[in-house]
Structures are given as C-alpha cells and as structure tokens.
Amino acid sequence: MLNLSASRLPWGLHYCWIIVAVLATVQILATSISMAAGILLPPLTDPDGRFGWSVGTIVMGLAAYYLVGAIFAPVSGWLGDRYGARRMMFAGAILYGVSMVLLGFVRELWQFFIVFGFLLSLTQSIAMVPLMASVSGWFRRRLGLGTGILWAAGGLGTAIVAPLTGYLLENYGWQMTFWSIGVIGGGIMILLNLLLRNRPEDIGVKPYGATGDDPPPNVRSATAEKLRLKVFNQHVRRTRAFWNLPAIHGLGCAGHGIVLIFSIPFAVEQGIGLTQAAVILTVISLVSISSRLLTPVLAERYGSKRIMASCLFVQGITVLILFWAHDLWAFYLFAALFGIGFGGEWTGYLVINRQYFGNGPMGTLYGSQMTGALMGHAITTALGGVVFEIFRSSGIIDPYTVIFALSIAFSLAGAAVILTLEPTSKTLIPDWEMSLPEEARSGGAGIPGARTTPLEPAAGDG
C-alpha cells in the first residue's frame, strides 16, 4: 500500500520529506549519545559511585568509540551503497537497542570498552554514514534545505537527550537509564524502518526538484550499480578535495569534540551541579539548530568553502570564553556563541560533495570523510585524556587551559585548510560517467555521452 500511495501523499508532499523525517528521528536517537558523551564522565568518575574510574581511563574508552567508528565508516558507507539504506537502518536499530541494554549491565571497565567503545560505535557509524549519504539521492535541487532540516533535528535531539540523560542518571540510576533508552529508542527505529526507501525510483517518483529535462528514474541491474560505484570512486580519488575534506572534517571535530567532553566536568569542578552543567550541551545544541539549518542552505547558494570556514573560525575563537568562565551565566554565554560555529562546521559536507562530485553514489565518499571526523575525535579525545592526567598530576598549569587551547588550534587550522580547496562553482569530475558503458549511465541506454543531471548553480568560492 505504501508503494501505491507514496507518489500521492496529502497536500502534494514529496516522499523525500518522509525520508528526511525518518532519518532525522534516527539521528536524534542513534547519535545524541556521542554528542552528549560528556554527561557520562561525572557518574563514571564518581569515587562514591558504582564505577569510580579515572577521567583518563574513561576518555580512552571514548577515544576507542571514535576510533572504531573511524575504521568502520568507509565500510558502512560501502555497505550502504551496495545493499541500500533500508537494510542498514534495520541492522542499526537492532544494534542500537541491544547495545543500550547491555550498557545498563556494565560494571567492569572492559565491558564498557566493548559495549560503548565498540558496539555503540558501529551503531553511530551506520546512522551517520550510509543513512545520511542516502538523503542526497532524494534531492535533485534544494539538497541544502533537506540536509539542513535533517541536521537541525539532530541538534534538537541532543538538546533533549543531554538533560534527560542527566536527569535519569541522577534519579533512576545507570541501569534503568540505558535500559529504557535502548528499548524505546530501538523500537522506534524498527517501526520507522517500514517507511524508509532507498531511492526515489524504488517507488516510481523523481527526486525532489527534478524537472522535465532531467532523465526519468530508472532501476539498474546490480551489476551496473556495482560498476558505477567502482568507476565513481576511482575518479573521486584522483581529486585533491577527496584527500583534504577528511582532514578538514577531522580538525573541525577535534576542535568541538574536546569541548563536548570536557566542558561539563570543567563546569562541575567550578561548583556547578551536574544537571545545570548538562544544560551547557542543551544550549549548544539549541543554538546550533539555526546554524545546522542555515549552513547547508547558504553553502548551496553561495558556495561551501567560505561558509564552512567561517563556522570553523567562530567555533575556535569562542572557546576563549572558557578561560575566564566560573559562573553559570558565563558557561551559558559560551555555549550560545560556540553553538553557532559548532552547528555549521560539520553540516555542509553533503552539499560540498554534491558541488564537487555531482550525483554519484556518495556512501563510500562520505564514509571516508566521516573516518577523518571520527579520527579527529579519537585522537584528540585520547590526547585530551593524556594531557589532563599529566598536567593534573604535575600541577604546573591547569589541565583545562591546555585542553581548551588545543581545541582552538584545531578549529582554526581547519578553517585555514578549507580555504586552500578548489572553488565549488564547478564539478571536479563532470565526465566520470563517460568511463561507463551506456546502459550504466544516468541517462540510460542509448544516450551517448550521458552525464550527471545538471546541478543548481552555486556561487564560486575564492
């Protein structure tokens, strides 16, 4: 019944918005725990609690989480290109529910490393790579708007999840908190999987924004799809942007990853309660909703380079406030300003991929960029833990001063590197489909020289 009615939704609604709504909910459930990871430090390090582990040890567990995700990101992207987002989402839903329930059983450090550092990391990789990359195929134009809505919903999710998790941990304990999140969240994701479709042609519709000049949707054979994926990735790897974008993503995530983990324990050390400190992440997330929404839209309209570089600069420079923050209002002021840059720093990658590489299969490409992002998280999380333990024991300088200085340096370095990229006004590989046989090209068989569908023009970046 869904297949019959998908092209005739009420009020002329295109099915791409159903896809955006489904994937936005998945983002809220599956990735908010990583964005709110700092909320776990106080209960895990409480000497009077059930764990009593050191900050350095927990941070290494978080680093393992990001490292596993970095290794698996290109694999999950390839799996998404090969088997489709729907199958990947079902696997992610099962993995999410099981992982969260098992997290409630954790008592030993090695258990935390396996459940949080490995299983939940696989869940995030599935949610962040093949599912996010799949949305690109549903939009011929206005991809920036669809992506912005998707990321904005994720910001709202973190804003809700951070204080909710803090409240549940304080009032119901570790076990009940993660049991309830796992059962409810996993169940919702399984139900939403019934609405997900891999591509517009699966239900006989064109991508949103397609015109009469665009080629009709066609369903290719598995052999043709496999060949397209291979040839597209071969052409992509020959560009400089393919290698630079993961590095930029890594530097940006290194910059905000330190803040997301260490800002809450820093605030608690200043005498602020855990629930109030958790609101720092809420403020960051709520403010970031606007920049998450606007950044892809502006990037599509004016070019991604200058927009993303500006967000990286704002993300870095606002961390200076933490050097003088002692009162709650100062932390909230920091969170409000930092959220502007944080929300825009990492939400433009699907758009810049479209501008640079056209309409090819994006899963593996986006997976390589997520590898850079998660490696940035992993390296700086581990580095932050080592720096914290060294400077805390030596007493030479406050460890948070060094950690936040590193955050600033990483963000500003990312802003500098992105300005070295090519202008986004022209596709870097416009003729990649010429390497394919005619039947595997986007225009279909019998269309010599068929190329990717023309993109909505964007202003060039300098």
Protein backbone atom coordinates (compact mmCIF):
# COMPACT_ATOMS: atom_id res chain seq x y z
CA MET A 1 0.00 0.00 0.00
CA LEU A 2 2.88 2.32 0.73
CA ASN A 3 4.33 1.75 -2.73
CA LEU A 4 0.99 2.61 -4.33
CA SER A 5 0.43 5.82 -2.36
CA ALA A 6 3.93 7.20 -1.96
CA SER A 7 3.65 9.37 -5.07
CA ARG A 8 0.24 10.72 -3.99
CA LEU A 9 0.84 11.93 -0.45
CA PRO A 10 -1.51 14.57 1.03
CA TRP A 11 -1.06 18.24 0.04
CA GLY A 12 1.27 17.26 -2.80
CA LEU A 13 4.01 16.33 -0.30
CA HIS A 14 7.02 14.71 -1.91
CA TYR A 15 8.17 11.46 -0.30
CA CYS A 16 11.64 12.94 0.23
CA TRP A 17 10.25 14.78 3.27
CA ILE A 18 9.12 11.48 4.77
CA ILE A 19 12.68 10.24 4.29
CA VAL A 20 14.05 13.38 5.98
CA ALA A 21 11.65 12.93 8.92
CA VAL A 22 12.63 9.27 9.35
CA LEU A 23 16.37 9.93 9.17
CA ALA A 24 16.07 12.95 11.47
CA THR A 25 14.49 10.74 14.13
CA VAL A 26 17.27 8.20 13.68
CA GLN A 27 19.85 10.95 14.17
CA ILE A 28 18.15 12.03 17.40
CA LEU A 29 18.20 8.50 18.78
CA ALA A 30 21.42 7.00 17.46
CA THR A 31 23.94 9.83 17.57
CA SER A 32 22.87 12.00 20.51
CA ILE A 33 24.75 9.79 22.97
CA SER A 34 28.04 10.69 21.29
CA MET A 35 27.23 14.40 21.26
CA ALA A 36 26.32 14.19 24.94
CA ALA A 37 29.23 11.92 25.93
CA GLY A 38 30.43 14.45 28.49
CA ILE A 39 27.37 13.71 30.61
CA LEU A 40 28.78 10.23 31.30
CA LEU A 41 32.01 11.42 32.91
CA PRO A 42 30.67 12.53 36.33
CA PRO A 43 28.82 9.26 37.16
CA LEU A 44 31.66 7.12 35.79
CA THR A 45 34.33 9.01 37.75
CA ASP A 46 32.38 9.48 41.00
CA PRO A 47 34.58 7.84 43.69
CA ASP A 48 31.48 7.06 45.75
CA GLY A 49 29.55 5.62 42.81
CA ARG A 50 29.40 2.15 41.26
CA PHE A 51 32.39 2.79 38.96
CA GLY A 52 34.95 5.25 40.35
CA TRP A 53 37.14 5.17 37.23
CA SER A 54 39.66 7.91 36.40
CA VAL A 55 38.99 10.63 33.83
CA GLY A 56 41.92 9.42 31.73
CA THR A 57 40.55 5.88 31.63
CA ILE A 58 37.06 6.97 30.59
CA VAL A 59 38.44 9.29 27.95
CA MET A 60 40.36 6.37 26.48
CA GLY A 61 37.05 4.49 26.25
CA LEU A 62 35.53 7.42 24.40
CA ALA A 63 38.58 7.51 22.13
CA ALA A 64 38.04 3.82 21.35
CA TYR A 65 34.44 4.66 20.44
CA TYR A 66 35.60 7.21 17.87
CA LEU A 67 38.46 5.05 16.60
CA VAL A 68 36.22 2.07 15.88
CA GLY A 69 33.77 4.40 14.14
CA ALA A 70 36.58 5.86 12.04
CA ILE A 71 37.70 2.40 10.91
CA PHE A 72 34.17 1.21 10.16
CA ALA A 73 32.87 4.43 8.48
CA PRO A 74 34.09 3.67 4.93
CA VAL A 75 32.94 0.07 5.34
CA SER A 76 29.44 1.12 6.39
CA GLY A 77 29.38 3.64 3.54
CA TRP A 78 30.27 0.91 1.06
CA LEU A 79 27.65 -1.39 2.58
CA GLY A 80 25.06 1.35 2.20
CA ASP A 81 25.96 1.84 -1.47
CA ARG A 82 25.89 -1.90 -2.01
CA TYR A 83 22.81 -3.02 -0.03
CA GLY A 84 20.79 0.15 0.50
CA ALA A 85 19.94 2.39 3.44
CA ARG A 86 16.86 0.40 4.47
CA ARG A 87 18.75 -2.76 5.33
CA MET A 88 21.44 -0.74 7.07
CA MET A 89 18.87 1.09 9.19
CA PHE A 90 17.27 -2.17 10.33
CA ALA A 91 20.67 -3.53 11.34
CA GLY A 92 21.44 -0.27 13.12
CA ALA A 93 18.14 -0.36 15.02
CA ILE A 94 18.79 -3.85 16.36
CA LEU A 95 22.36 -2.98 17.24
CA TYR A 96 21.27 0.22 19.00
CA GLY A 97 18.67 -1.46 21.20
CA VAL A 98 20.97 -4.34 22.17
CA SER A 99 23.93 -2.02 22.85
CA MET A 100 21.98 0.34 25.10
CA VAL A 101 20.50 -2.51 27.13
CA LEU A 102 23.96 -4.08 27.52
CA LEU A 103 25.33 -0.69 28.60
CA GLY A 104 22.94 -0.82 31.53
CA PHE A 105 24.58 -4.11 32.62
CA VAL A 106 28.12 -2.70 32.52
CA ARG A 107 30.08 -2.97 35.76
CA GLU A 108 33.68 -3.59 34.69
CA LEU A 109 35.91 -1.37 32.58
CA TRP A 110 36.43 -3.99 29.86
CA GLN A 111 32.66 -4.27 29.49
CA PHE A 112 32.41 -0.51 28.96
CA PHE A 113 35.06 -0.67 26.25
CA ILE A 114 33.24 -3.47 24.41
CA VAL A 115 29.71 -2.07 24.66
CA PHE A 116 30.32 1.67 24.37
CA GLY A 117 33.66 1.67 22.59
CA PHE A 118 32.74 -0.99 20.02
CA LEU A 119 29.03 -1.84 19.68
CA LEU A 120 27.63 1.68 20.05
CA SER A 121 30.35 2.96 17.75
CA LEU A 122 29.15 0.63 15.00
CA THR A 123 25.62 1.94 15.56
CA GLN A 124 26.71 5.55 15.15
CA SER A 125 28.69 4.72 12.02
CA ILE A 126 25.63 3.18 10.39
CA ALA A 127 23.43 6.14 11.36
CA MET A 128 25.93 8.80 10.32
CA VAL A 129 27.29 7.40 7.04
CA PRO A 130 25.01 5.27 4.81
CA LEU A 131 21.78 6.74 6.15
CA MET A 132 22.93 10.35 5.89
CA ALA A 133 24.50 9.79 2.47
CA SER A 134 21.27 8.25 1.16
CA VAL A 135 19.36 11.51 1.50
CA SER A 136 21.42 13.01 -1.33
CA GLY A 137 19.71 10.79 -3.89
CA TRP A 138 16.25 12.09 -2.93
CA PHE A 139 17.05 15.69 -3.93
CA ARG A 140 17.98 16.95 -7.37
CA ARG A 141 17.72 20.51 -6.06
CA ARG A 142 17.28 22.01 -2.60
CA LEU A 143 19.59 19.41 -1.08
CA GLY A 144 20.81 22.14 1.27
CA LEU A 145 17.33 22.62 2.70
CA GLY A 146 16.76 18.89 3.19
CA THR A 147 20.16 18.42 4.79
CA GLY A 148 19.69 21.48 6.99
CA ILE A 149 16.37 20.19 8.33
CA LEU A 150 17.95 16.80 8.96
CA TRP A 151 20.89 18.22 10.92
CA ALA A 152 18.69 20.72 12.78
CA ALA A 153 16.55 17.88 14.07
CA GLY A 154 19.70 16.18 15.34
CA GLY A 155 20.55 19.33 17.27
CA LEU A 156 17.13 19.34 18.87
CA GLY A 157 17.63 15.70 19.81
CA THR A 158 20.90 16.39 21.61
CA ALA A 159 19.31 19.34 23.39
CA ILE A 160 16.68 16.97 24.74
CA VAL A 161 18.83 13.90 25.32
CA ALA A 162 21.60 15.61 27.32
CA PRO A 163 19.47 16.95 30.23
CA LEU A 164 17.12 13.96 30.04
CA THR A 165 20.02 11.55 30.42
CA GLY A 166 21.42 13.64 33.28
CA TYR A 167 18.02 13.62 35.00
CA LEU A 168 17.56 9.87 34.55
CA LEU A 169 21.07 9.13 35.83
CA GLU A 170 20.56 11.27 38.93
CA ASN A 171 17.10 9.93 39.75
CA TYR A 172 16.90 6.37 38.40
CA GLY A 173 20.48 5.18 38.16
CA TRP A 174 22.71 3.86 35.43
CA GLN A 175 20.90 0.62 34.70
CA MET A 176 17.35 1.90 34.35
CA THR A 177 18.50 4.88 32.27
CA PHE A 178 20.06 2.85 29.49
CA TRP A 179 17.54 0.02 29.57
CA SER A 180 14.71 2.47 28.92
CA ILE A 181 16.63 4.35 26.21
CA GLY A 182 17.55 1.09 24.45
CA VAL A 183 14.07 -0.46 24.44
CA ILE A 184 12.18 2.69 23.47
CA GLY A 185 14.74 4.03 21.00
CA GLY A 186 15.38 0.69 19.30
CA GLY A 187 11.64 0.04 18.98
CA ILE A 188 11.01 3.42 17.36
CA MET A 189 13.80 2.87 14.83
CA ILE A 190 12.43 -0.56 13.84
CA LEU A 191 8.96 0.91 13.25
CA LEU A 192 10.34 3.80 11.20
CA ASN A 193 12.25 1.37 9.01
CA LEU A 194 8.88 0.43 7.47
CA LEU A 195 8.70 3.92 5.93
CA LEU A 196 12.24 4.11 4.60
CA ARG A 197 13.03 3.56 0.92
CA ASN A 198 16.49 3.51 -0.63
CA ARG A 199 15.89 5.65 -3.73
CA PRO A 200 13.05 7.58 -5.43
CA GLU A 201 12.93 5.09 -8.29
CA ASP A 202 12.02 2.35 -5.81
CA ILE A 203 8.58 3.94 -5.55
CA GLY A 204 8.41 5.31 -9.09
CA VAL A 205 8.98 9.01 -8.41
CA LYS A 206 11.63 11.51 -9.42
CA PRO A 207 13.94 13.18 -6.89
CA TYR A 208 12.66 16.40 -5.38
CA GLY A 209 13.32 19.36 -7.68
CA ALA A 210 13.70 17.26 -10.83
CA THR A 211 12.42 18.93 -13.99
CA GLY A 212 11.16 17.67 -17.31
CA ASP A 213 14.68 17.95 -18.71
CA ASP A 214 16.03 15.51 -16.15
CA PRO A 215 16.29 11.85 -17.15
CA PRO A 216 13.48 9.64 -15.86
CA PRO A 217 14.19 7.42 -12.86
CA ASN A 218 15.47 4.03 -13.88
CA VAL A 219 16.25 0.88 -11.95
CA ARG A 220 19.63 -0.54 -12.97
CA SER A 221 20.87 -4.06 -12.52
CA ALA A 222 23.03 -4.92 -9.54
CA THR A 223 25.98 -5.36 -11.91
CA ALA A 224 25.52 -1.87 -13.35
CA GLU A 225 25.22 -0.31 -9.88
CA LYS A 226 28.37 -2.09 -8.75
CA LEU A 227 30.25 -0.84 -11.81
CA ARG A 228 29.02 2.74 -11.27
CA LEU A 229 30.24 2.64 -7.66
CA LYS A 230 33.66 1.38 -8.70
CA VAL A 231 34.18 3.91 -11.51
CA PHE A 232 32.84 6.85 -9.49
CA ASN A 233 35.18 6.14 -6.59
CA GLN A 234 38.14 5.78 -8.97
CA HIS A 235 37.51 9.26 -10.37
CA VAL A 236 36.85 10.79 -6.95
CA ARG A 237 40.15 9.53 -5.52
CA ARG A 238 42.09 11.41 -8.21
CA THR A 239 40.94 14.79 -6.85
CA ARG A 240 42.70 16.82 -4.17
CA ALA A 241 39.40 17.53 -2.42
CA PHE A 242 38.88 13.81 -1.72
CA TRP A 243 42.01 13.77 0.46
CA ASN A 244 41.63 17.23 2.01
CA LEU A 245 38.00 17.05 3.10
CA PRO A 246 38.54 14.20 5.62
CA ALA A 247 41.45 16.15 7.12
CA ILE A 248 39.31 19.28 7.44
CA HIS A 249 36.47 17.27 8.97
CA GLY A 250 38.94 15.74 11.42
CA LEU A 251 40.31 19.13 12.51
CA GLY A 252 36.82 20.55 12.99
CA CYS A 253 35.62 17.56 15.01
CA ALA A 254 38.80 17.63 17.07
CA GLY A 255 38.01 21.24 17.94
CA HIS A 256 34.45 20.70 19.13
CA GLY A 257 34.96 17.14 20.42
CA ILE A 258 37.21 18.38 23.23
CA VAL A 259 34.61 20.92 24.27
CA LEU A 260 31.70 18.45 24.22
CA ILE A 261 33.58 16.07 26.51
CA PHE A 262 35.44 18.38 28.89
CA SER A 263 33.14 21.39 29.28
CA ILE A 264 30.76 19.57 31.64
CA PRO A 265 33.39 18.16 34.06
CA PHE A 266 35.09 21.58 33.97
CA ALA A 267 31.83 23.26 34.95
CA VAL A 268 31.22 20.69 37.71
CA GLU A 269 34.72 21.40 39.02
CA GLN A 270 33.75 25.07 39.22
CA GLY A 271 30.95 24.15 41.64
CA ILE A 272 28.06 23.80 39.19
CA GLY A 273 25.67 20.86 39.61
CA LEU A 274 25.56 18.06 37.06
CA THR A 275 22.03 18.81 35.85
CA GLN A 276 22.83 22.52 35.42
CA ALA A 277 26.11 21.67 33.72
CA ALA A 278 24.30 19.35 31.32
CA VAL A 279 22.29 22.36 30.16
CA ILE A 280 25.53 23.65 28.60
CA LEU A 281 25.14 20.94 25.97
CA THR A 282 21.46 21.81 25.67
CA VAL A 283 22.27 25.46 24.94
CA ILE A 284 24.97 24.48 22.45
CA SER A 285 22.56 22.15 20.69
CA LEU A 286 19.59 24.54 20.67
CA VAL A 287 21.64 27.42 19.29
CA SER A 288 23.27 25.11 16.76
CA ILE A 289 19.86 24.25 15.29
CA SER A 290 19.81 27.56 13.40
CA SER A 291 23.32 27.14 12.00
CA ARG A 292 22.72 23.45 11.25
CA LEU A 293 19.70 24.51 9.21
CA LEU A 294 21.19 27.56 7.53
CA THR A 295 24.71 26.32 6.74
CA PRO A 296 23.73 23.76 4.06
CA VAL A 297 21.24 26.23 2.56
CA LEU A 298 23.80 29.05 2.41
CA ALA A 299 26.51 26.65 1.21
CA GLU A 300 24.32 25.53 -1.67
CA ARG A 301 23.51 29.12 -2.54
CA TYR A 302 26.84 30.89 -2.06
CA GLY A 303 29.42 28.09 -2.12
CA SER A 304 30.56 25.87 0.73
CA LYS A 305 34.15 27.00 1.29
CA ARG A 306 33.62 30.42 2.82
CA ILE A 307 30.56 29.35 4.83
CA MET A 308 32.28 26.33 6.39
CA ALA A 309 35.50 28.27 7.03
CA SER A 310 33.56 31.00 8.83
CA CYS A 311 31.87 28.42 11.07
CA LEU A 312 35.22 26.83 11.92
CA PHE A 313 36.62 30.24 12.88
CA VAL A 314 33.64 31.01 15.14
CA GLN A 315 33.86 27.56 16.73
CA GLY A 316 37.53 28.11 17.57
CA ILE A 317 37.56 31.70 18.76
CA THR A 318 34.59 31.40 21.14
CA VAL A 319 36.40 28.77 23.25
CA LEU A 320 38.45 31.66 24.67
CA ILE A 321 35.47 32.42 26.95
CA LEU A 322 36.13 29.21 28.90
CA PHE A 323 39.47 30.58 30.10
CA TRP A 324 37.56 33.04 32.30
CA ALA A 325 34.33 31.12 32.93
CA HIS A 326 33.50 30.44 36.61
CA ASP A 327 29.82 31.33 36.96
CA LEU A 328 26.88 29.56 35.37
CA TRP A 329 25.94 32.55 33.19
CA ALA A 330 29.44 32.59 31.67
CA PHE A 331 29.15 28.93 30.68
CA TYR A 332 25.76 29.56 29.12
CA LEU A 333 27.10 32.59 27.24
CA PHE A 334 29.94 30.46 25.89
CA ALA A 335 27.51 27.71 24.90
CA ALA A 336 25.29 30.14 22.98
CA LEU A 337 28.18 31.60 20.97
CA PHE A 338 30.02 28.32 20.47
CA GLY A 339 26.83 26.67 19.20
CA ILE A 340 26.75 28.99 16.18
CA GLY A 341 30.08 27.77 14.83
CA PHE A 342 29.64 24.19 16.02
CA GLY A 343 26.32 23.75 14.22
CA GLY A 344 27.70 24.91 10.89
CA GLU A 345 31.20 23.44 10.97
CA TRP A 346 30.22 19.89 10.03
CA THR A 347 26.80 20.13 8.36
CA GLY A 348 27.89 21.27 4.90
CA TYR A 349 29.69 18.15 3.74
CA LEU A 350 26.81 16.59 1.81
CA VAL A 351 26.40 19.87 -0.07
CA ILE A 352 30.09 20.33 -0.85
CA ASN A 353 30.18 16.71 -2.04
CA ARG A 354 27.34 17.46 -4.45
CA GLN A 355 29.09 20.60 -5.68
CA TYR A 356 32.42 18.85 -6.17
CA PHE A 357 31.35 15.38 -7.32
CA GLY A 358 27.83 15.63 -8.76
CA ASN A 359 25.17 12.93 -8.32
CA GLY A 360 27.26 9.79 -7.97
CA PRO A 361 26.93 7.18 -5.19
CA MET A 362 28.03 9.10 -2.09
CA GLY A 363 28.17 6.46 0.64
CA THR A 364 31.81 5.44 0.33
CA LEU A 365 32.90 9.04 -0.27
CA TYR A 366 31.04 10.34 2.76
CA GLY A 367 32.35 7.40 4.76
CA SER A 368 35.93 8.50 4.09
CA GLN A 369 35.08 11.96 5.38
CA MET A 370 33.46 10.51 8.48
CA THR A 371 36.64 8.49 9.00
CA GLY A 372 38.51 11.80 9.16
CA ALA A 373 35.92 13.24 11.52
CA LEU A 374 35.95 10.30 13.90
CA MET A 375 39.72 10.03 13.78
CA GLY A 376 39.80 13.67 14.84
CA HIS A 377 37.53 12.81 17.75
CA ALA A 378 39.54 9.72 18.64
CA ILE A 379 42.99 11.32 18.56
CA THR A 380 42.04 14.46 20.44
CA THR A 381 39.91 12.60 22.97
CA ALA A 382 42.85 10.37 23.82
CA LEU A 383 45.20 13.35 23.71
CA GLY A 384 42.88 15.29 25.99
CA GLY A 385 42.86 12.44 28.50
CA VAL A 386 46.65 12.17 28.50
CA VAL A 387 47.07 15.94 28.81
CA PHE A 388 44.55 16.04 31.63
CA GLU A 389 46.30 13.35 33.65
CA ILE A 390 49.81 14.77 33.06
CA PHE A 391 49.02 18.36 33.95
CA ARG A 392 46.65 17.45 36.79
CA SER A 393 49.36 15.39 38.49
CA SER A 394 52.18 17.87 37.82
CA GLY A 395 50.29 20.95 38.97
CA ILE A 396 52.30 23.14 36.56
CA ILE A 397 49.26 24.54 34.78
CA ASP A 398 45.54 23.90 34.88
CA PRO A 399 44.89 20.95 32.51
CA TYR A 400 41.70 22.51 31.19
CA THR A 401 43.69 25.53 29.96
CA VAL A 402 45.86 23.28 27.79
CA ILE A 403 42.91 21.22 26.58
CA PHE A 404 40.85 24.22 25.51
CA ALA A 405 43.90 25.79 23.81
CA LEU A 406 44.19 22.63 21.72
CA SER A 407 40.54 22.97 20.76
CA ILE A 408 41.12 26.50 19.46
CA ALA A 409 44.19 25.45 17.49
CA PHE A 410 42.42 22.55 15.75
CA SER A 411 39.39 24.63 14.71
CA LEU A 412 41.46 27.49 13.32
CA ALA A 413 43.72 25.04 11.44
CA GLY A 414 40.63 23.53 9.81
CA ALA A 415 39.47 26.99 8.71
CA ALA A 416 42.86 27.66 7.14
CA VAL A 417 42.99 24.34 5.24
CA ILE A 418 39.50 24.61 3.77
CA LEU A 419 40.38 27.93 2.17
CA THR A 420 43.01 26.10 0.08
CA LEU A 421 40.39 23.94 -1.68
CA GLU A 422 39.20 24.40 -5.25
CA PRO A 423 36.22 26.70 -5.99
CA THR A 424 32.88 24.90 -5.64
CA SER A 425 31.30 26.54 -8.68
CA LYS A 426 32.41 23.70 -10.99
CA THR A 427 32.12 19.95 -10.62
CA LEU A 428 35.56 18.37 -10.32
CA ILE A 429 34.65 15.19 -12.21
CA PRO A 430 31.93 16.25 -14.69
CA ASP A 431 32.65 13.46 -17.19
CA TRP A 432 33.14 10.46 -14.92
CA GLU A 433 30.19 8.61 -16.49
CA MET A 434 31.99 8.62 -19.83
CA SER A 435 34.04 5.75 -18.40
CA LEU A 436 30.86 3.66 -18.12
CA PRO A 437 29.02 1.67 -20.77
CA GLU A 438 25.89 3.47 -21.99
CA GLU A 439 23.47 1.23 -20.10
CA ALA A 440 25.10 2.13 -16.77
CA ARG A 441 25.00 5.90 -17.25
CA SER A 442 22.44 8.10 -15.53
CA GLY A 443 20.77 8.93 -18.85
CA GLY A 444 20.12 5.26 -19.54
CA ALA A 445 20.94 3.14 -22.57
CA GLY A 446 21.17 4.69 -25.98
CA ILE A 447 22.18 8.16 -24.76
CA PRO A 448 25.78 8.65 -25.86
CA GLY A 449 27.79 10.84 -23.57
CA ALA A 450 25.13 10.91 -20.89
CA ARG A 451 26.28 12.88 -17.88
CA THR A 452 25.09 13.53 -14.39
CA THR A 453 21.99 15.67 -14.02
CA PRO A 454 22.85 19.40 -14.04
CA LEU A 455 23.17 20.91 -10.61
CA GLU A 456 21.63 24.06 -9.27
CA PRO A 457 24.42 26.63 -9.73
CA ALA A 458 26.24 27.90 -6.68
CA ALA A 459 28.33 30.99 -6.33
CA GLY A 460 32.01 30.28 -6.65
CA ASP A 461 34.29 30.25 -3.64
CA GLY A 462 37.53 32.11 -3.90
